[in-house]
C-alpha atoms as a PDB file:
ATOM      1  CA  MET A   1       3.880   4.082 -32.576  1.00  0.00           C
ATOM      2  CA  ASN A   2       3.171   1.737 -29.672  1.00  0.00           C
ATOM      3  CA  LEU A   3      -0.156   1.286 -27.946  1.00  0.00           C
ATOM      4  CA  LEU A   4      -0.850   0.230 -24.349  1.00  0.00           C
ATOM      5  CA  ASP A   5      -2.996  -2.732 -23.410  1.00  0.00           C
ATOM      6  CA  GLU A   6      -5.433  -2.736 -20.473  1.00  0.00           C
ATOM      7  CA  TYR A   7      -2.502  -3.331 -18.083  1.00  0.00           C
ATOM      8  CA  ASN A   8      -0.478  -0.422 -19.522  1.00  0.00           C
ATOM      9  CA  LYS A   9       1.924  -2.869 -21.133  1.00  0.00           C
ATOM     10  CA  ILE A  10       3.274  -1.731 -24.503  1.00  0.00           C
ATOM     11  CA  ILE A  11       1.817  -3.473 -27.530  1.00  0.00           C
ATOM     12  CA  ASP A  12       4.257  -3.363 -30.421  1.00  0.00           C
ATOM     13  CA  ASN A  13       2.248  -2.650 -33.539  1.00  0.00           C
ATOM     14  CA  ASP A  14       5.144  -1.790 -35.846  1.00  0.00           C
ATOM     15  CA  PRO A  15       4.531  -3.880 -39.004  1.00  0.00           C
ATOM     16  CA  SER A  16       8.272  -4.130 -39.683  1.00  0.00           C
ATOM     17  CA  ARG A  17       8.697  -6.198 -36.510  1.00  0.00           C
ATOM     18  CA  GLN A  18       5.624  -8.395 -36.926  1.00  0.00           C
ATOM     19  CA  GLY A  19       6.502 -12.088 -36.917  1.00  0.00           C
ATOM     20  CA  SER A  20       9.872 -11.543 -35.254  1.00  0.00           C
ATOM     21  CA  LEU A  21       8.841 -12.826 -31.847  1.00  0.00           C
ATOM     22  CA  GLY A  22      11.075 -15.464 -30.312  1.00  0.00           C
ATOM     23  CA  THR A  23      10.018 -18.580 -28.401  1.00  0.00           C
ATOM     24  CA  ASN A  24      10.312 -16.824 -25.044  1.00  0.00           C
ATOM     25  CA  ASP A  25       8.195 -13.896 -26.267  1.00  0.00           C
ATOM     26  CA  VAL A  26       5.408 -16.178 -27.447  1.00  0.00           C
ATOM     27  CA  ALA A  27       5.582 -18.276 -24.276  1.00  0.00           C
ATOM     28  CA  GLU A  28       5.510 -15.162 -22.098  1.00  0.00           C
ATOM     29  CA  MET A  29       2.465 -13.756 -23.868  1.00  0.00           C
ATOM     30  CA  SER A  30       0.667 -17.085 -23.516  1.00  0.00           C
ATOM     31  CA  VAL A  31       1.557 -17.551 -19.844  1.00  0.00           C
ATOM     32  CA  ARG A  32       0.736 -13.919 -18.992  1.00  0.00           C
ATOM     33  CA  THR A  33      -2.652 -14.263 -20.668  1.00  0.00           C
ATOM     34  CA  LEU A  34      -3.458 -17.346 -18.600  1.00  0.00           C
ATOM     35  CA  ARG A  35      -2.163 -15.719 -15.405  1.00  0.00           C
ATOM     36  CA  ASP A  36      -4.192 -12.559 -16.040  1.00  0.00           C
ATOM     37  CA  SER A  37      -7.284 -14.665 -16.655  1.00  0.00           C
ATOM     38  CA  LEU A  38      -6.790 -16.489 -13.352  1.00  0.00           C
ATOM     39  CA  LEU A  39      -6.427 -13.168 -11.543  1.00  0.00           C
ATOM     40  CA  LYS A  40      -9.603 -11.790 -13.120  1.00  0.00           C
ATOM     41  CA  GLU A  41     -11.421 -15.001 -12.255  1.00  0.00           C
ATOM     42  CA  THR A  42     -10.637 -14.427  -8.560  1.00  0.00           C
ATOM     43  CA  ASP A  43     -11.188 -10.662  -8.310  1.00  0.00           C
ATOM     44  CA  TRP A  44     -14.435 -11.287  -6.453  1.00  0.00           C
ATOM     45  CA  THR A  45     -12.526 -12.793  -3.522  1.00  0.00           C
ATOM     46  CA  GLN A  46     -11.000  -9.427  -2.679  1.00  0.00           C
ATOM     47  CA  ASN A  47     -14.206  -7.383  -2.501  1.00  0.00           C
ATOM     48  CA  ARG A  48     -14.528  -6.141   1.028  1.00  0.00           C
ATOM     49  CA  ASP A  49     -18.201  -7.085   1.183  1.00  0.00           C
ATOM     50  CA  VAL A  50     -17.215 -10.745   0.687  1.00  0.00           C
ATOM     51  CA  ASN A  51     -16.260 -12.562   3.880  1.00  0.00           C
ATOM     52  CA  LEU A  52     -14.287 -15.735   3.277  1.00  0.00           C
ATOM     53  CA  SER A  53     -13.009 -18.027   5.985  1.00  0.00           C
ATOM     54  CA  ASN A  54      -9.876 -18.591   3.897  1.00  0.00           C
ATOM     55  CA  ASP A  55      -9.333 -14.981   2.775  1.00  0.00           C
ATOM     56  CA  SER A  56      -5.606 -15.126   3.525  1.00  0.00           C
ATOM     57  CA  GLU A  57      -5.272 -18.153   1.221  1.00  0.00           C
ATOM     58  CA  TRP A  58      -6.882 -16.190  -1.628  1.00  0.00           C
ATOM     59  CA  VAL A  59      -4.620 -13.207  -0.973  1.00  0.00           C
ATOM     60  CA  ALA A  60      -1.560 -15.490  -1.045  1.00  0.00           C
ATOM     61  CA  TYR A  61      -2.769 -17.242  -4.227  1.00  0.00           C
ATOM     62  CA  ARG A  62      -3.300 -13.961  -6.058  1.00  0.00           C
ATOM     63  CA  GLN A  63       0.100 -12.655  -4.922  1.00  0.00           C
ATOM     64  CA  ALA A  64       1.737 -15.881  -6.131  1.00  0.00           C
ATOM     65  CA  LEU A  65       0.080 -15.343  -9.547  1.00  0.00           C
ATOM     66  CA  ARG A  66       1.415 -11.784  -9.691  1.00  0.00           C
ATOM     67  CA  ASP A  67       4.882 -13.052  -8.717  1.00  0.00           C
ATOM     68  CA  LEU A  68       5.039 -15.690 -11.490  1.00  0.00           C
ATOM     69  CA  PRO A  69       7.299 -13.548 -13.735  1.00  0.00           C
ATOM     70  CA  THR A  70       9.978 -13.570 -11.012  1.00  0.00           C
ATOM     71  CA  GLN A  71      10.357 -17.369 -11.160  1.00  0.00           C
ATOM     72  CA  SER A  72      13.711 -18.530 -12.499  1.00  0.00           C
ATOM     73  CA  GLY A  73      12.126 -20.643 -15.269  1.00  0.00           C
ATOM     74  CA  TRP A  74       9.770 -17.902 -16.491  1.00  0.00           C
ATOM     75  CA  PRO A  75       8.146 -18.170 -18.982  1.00  0.00           C
ATOM     76  CA  LEU A  76       9.017 -21.668 -20.207  1.00  0.00           C
ATOM     77  CA  GLU A  77       8.953 -23.502 -16.873  1.00  0.00           C
ATOM     78  CA  VAL A  78       6.252 -22.133 -14.595  1.00  0.00           C
ATOM     79  CA  THR A  79       5.198 -23.584 -11.258  1.00  0.00           C
ATOM     80  CA  TRP A  80       1.575 -22.548 -10.869  1.00  0.00           C
ATOM     81  CA  PRO A  81       0.222 -21.877  -7.369  1.00  0.00           C
ATOM     82  CA  GLU A  82      -2.616 -24.029  -6.066  1.00  0.00           C
ATOM     83  CA  LYS A  83      -6.024 -22.393  -6.146  1.00  0.00           C
ATOM     84  CA  PRO A  84      -7.767 -22.340  -2.748  1.00  0.00           C
ATOM     85  CA  VAL A  85     -10.992 -24.288  -2.375  1.00  0.00           C
END
C-alpha cells in the first residue's frame, strides 16, 4: 500500500523495494526537498496583504522553482533561479 505525502506525491512504503532507489531517485528526492523548502520559505511573498515593489520578481522566482523538474539536467544538473532581494 502506498501513502501520499503533503504534496499528494506517492510514498513507496513497500518493504520489498526498500533500498532499491537509484542515483537519480535519490538525487530527485534531495533536490525536490530543497526546492520545496525554498518555496515554503517564500510563501509569505504571495499573501495579498503584502505589498512588495518587486512582486513580479518573486512570482517569477517561485514559478522557476516549480519548473525545475522540467530542466533537461534534472535532477543531477540543476540551474537554480536567483532569489530576489
